[in-house]
Amino acid sequence: MTAQHAHASGTSLAALVQPQRPHSNHDVWAAALDELEQAVERIVAWLASDDLSDGMEAIILATSTWSVPDLPGQIPTALVPRAQSIAVRQGVVRRELAEHVSTNRGHARLTRQVDAATARPVAPAYLDLRV
């Protein structure tokens, strides 16, 4: 709202520059849960994508820079079921990620074995002394 709009609507200019009231405990916790939920959704979408290399850097950056937020007091009782649901989903995603890592390691190991078995020898396998 601009100063002109404030004057026309009867809102004082002081009301425009006053700091907003601090968020309630519930609002702060809800925002923190929103962030956790969005992170889970991003990873779920990433795991479902055809090209896991696409978006991997963003996932790594987001997870490596995350820190425990400084939240006021205890989580409000009304938000506990949501927090528990998010924790369950995080556990499911963590297991899926572990499965993908294990599968990728197996594929990499198999690729190395195939490469080693089919690579041309670096040195001659025999030496013809009849020349």
Protein backbone atom coordinates (compact mmCIF):
# COMPACT_ATOMS: atom_id res chain seq x y z
CA MET A 1 0.00 0.00 0.00
CA THR A 2 1.42 3.37 -0.97
CA ALA A 3 1.26 6.49 1.17
CA GLN A 4 -1.41 7.94 -1.14
CA HIS A 5 -3.54 4.81 -0.79
CA ALA A 6 -3.04 4.83 2.97
CA HIS A 7 -4.15 8.45 3.23
CA ALA A 8 -7.17 7.85 0.98
CA SER A 9 -8.24 4.78 2.95
CA GLY A 10 -7.76 6.43 6.30
CA THR A 11 -4.79 4.24 7.25
CA SER A 12 -2.11 6.18 9.06
CA LEU A 13 1.36 6.37 7.59
CA ALA A 14 2.69 5.15 10.93
CA ALA A 15 0.76 1.91 10.45
CA LEU A 16 2.60 1.34 7.18
CA VAL A 17 6.07 1.67 8.67
CA GLN A 18 5.36 -0.18 11.91
CA PRO A 19 7.11 -3.52 11.99
CA GLN A 20 4.77 -6.43 11.51
CA ARG A 21 3.91 -8.37 14.59
CA PRO A 22 6.17 -11.34 15.08
CA HIS A 23 4.89 -14.58 13.68
CA SER A 24 3.14 -16.80 16.13
CA ASN A 25 4.81 -19.96 17.36
CA HIS A 26 2.37 -21.92 15.17
CA ASP A 27 3.24 -19.89 12.06
CA VAL A 28 6.99 -20.33 12.55
CA TRP A 29 6.67 -24.08 13.04
CA ALA A 30 4.25 -24.38 10.10
CA ALA A 31 6.76 -22.55 7.86
CA ALA A 32 9.55 -24.91 8.98
CA LEU A 33 7.35 -27.91 8.20
CA ASP A 34 6.51 -26.38 4.80
CA GLU A 35 10.24 -26.27 3.99
CA LEU A 36 10.77 -29.88 5.06
CA GLU A 37 7.76 -31.02 3.08
CA GLN A 38 8.91 -29.17 -0.04
CA ALA A 39 12.35 -30.75 0.26
CA VAL A 40 10.79 -34.22 0.43
CA GLU A 41 8.61 -33.43 -2.59
CA ARG A 42 11.63 -32.24 -4.60
CA ILE A 43 13.50 -35.47 -3.88
CA VAL A 44 10.45 -37.62 -4.68
CA ALA A 45 10.06 -35.81 -8.01
CA TRP A 46 13.78 -36.17 -8.68
CA LEU A 47 13.70 -39.92 -7.98
CA ALA A 48 10.73 -40.29 -10.35
CA SER A 49 12.50 -38.45 -13.18
CA ASP A 50 14.04 -40.27 -16.12
CA ASP A 51 17.37 -38.50 -15.80
CA LEU A 52 18.65 -38.55 -12.23
CA SER A 53 21.65 -36.44 -13.19
CA ASP A 54 19.23 -33.58 -13.92
CA GLY A 55 18.63 -31.67 -10.71
CA MET A 56 21.16 -33.61 -8.64
CA GLU A 57 23.29 -30.54 -7.98
CA ALA A 58 20.30 -28.61 -6.64
CA ILE A 59 19.38 -31.50 -4.34
CA ILE A 60 22.95 -31.78 -3.06
CA LEU A 61 23.21 -28.04 -2.50
CA ALA A 62 19.86 -27.87 -0.70
CA THR A 63 20.64 -30.80 1.59
CA SER A 64 24.24 -29.82 2.29
CA THR A 65 23.35 -26.26 3.27
CA TRP A 66 20.37 -27.17 5.44
CA SER A 67 20.71 -26.57 9.16
CA VAL A 68 18.38 -27.16 12.05
CA PRO A 69 16.21 -24.05 12.34
CA ASP A 70 16.07 -22.13 15.59
CA LEU A 71 12.40 -22.59 16.39
CA PRO A 72 10.59 -21.06 19.35
CA GLY A 73 9.42 -23.41 22.06
CA GLN A 74 7.91 -26.80 21.41
CA ILE A 75 6.02 -27.73 18.29
CA PRO A 76 2.33 -26.83 18.65
CA THR A 77 0.16 -29.87 19.32
CA ALA A 78 -1.94 -29.19 16.23
CA LEU A 79 1.17 -29.60 14.03
CA VAL A 80 2.44 -32.86 15.56
CA PRO A 81 0.51 -35.16 13.16
CA ARG A 82 1.85 -33.24 10.17
CA ALA A 83 5.41 -33.41 11.51
CA GLN A 84 5.05 -37.16 12.09
CA SER A 85 3.73 -37.63 8.57
CA ILE A 86 6.68 -35.72 7.12
CA ALA A 87 9.10 -37.79 9.22
CA VAL A 88 7.55 -41.02 7.87
CA ARG A 89 7.84 -39.74 4.29
CA GLN A 90 11.46 -38.74 4.91
CA GLY A 91 12.17 -42.30 6.06
CA VAL A 92 10.58 -43.74 2.91
CA VAL A 93 12.58 -41.37 0.70
CA ARG A 94 15.79 -42.14 2.63
CA ARG A 95 15.28 -45.88 1.95
CA GLU A 96 14.55 -45.19 -1.74
CA LEU A 97 17.72 -43.12 -2.00
CA ALA A 98 19.73 -45.91 -0.37
CA GLU A 99 18.29 -48.40 -2.87
CA HIS A 100 19.20 -46.12 -5.79
CA VAL A 101 22.75 -45.68 -4.47
CA SER A 102 23.12 -49.44 -4.05
CA THR A 103 21.77 -50.10 -7.54
CA ASN A 104 24.06 -47.47 -9.05
CA ARG A 105 27.08 -48.95 -7.30
CA GLY A 106 26.17 -52.38 -8.64
CA HIS A 107 25.84 -50.97 -12.16
CA ALA A 108 29.16 -49.17 -11.87
CA ARG A 109 30.85 -52.38 -10.61
CA LEU A 110 29.37 -54.37 -13.52
CA THR A 111 30.45 -51.70 -16.01
CA ARG A 112 34.02 -51.85 -14.68
CA GLN A 113 34.01 -55.66 -14.96
CA VAL A 114 32.73 -55.55 -18.54
CA ASP A 115 35.28 -52.89 -19.44
CA ALA A 116 38.09 -54.96 -17.94
CA ALA A 117 36.94 -58.13 -19.69
CA THR A 118 36.51 -56.54 -23.11
CA ALA A 119 39.34 -54.00 -23.15
CA ARG A 120 42.16 -54.49 -25.59
CA PRO A 121 45.37 -55.50 -23.92
CA VAL A 122 47.77 -52.65 -23.31
CA ALA A 123 50.79 -54.81 -24.20
CA PRO A 124 51.01 -57.65 -26.70
CA ALA A 125 49.74 -60.93 -25.32
CA TYR A 126 52.61 -62.83 -26.96
CA LEU A 127 55.83 -62.12 -28.74
CA ASP A 128 56.56 -63.76 -32.07
CA LEU A 129 60.23 -64.71 -32.02
CA ARG A 130 60.21 -66.18 -35.57
CA VAL A 131 60.67 -62.80 -37.19
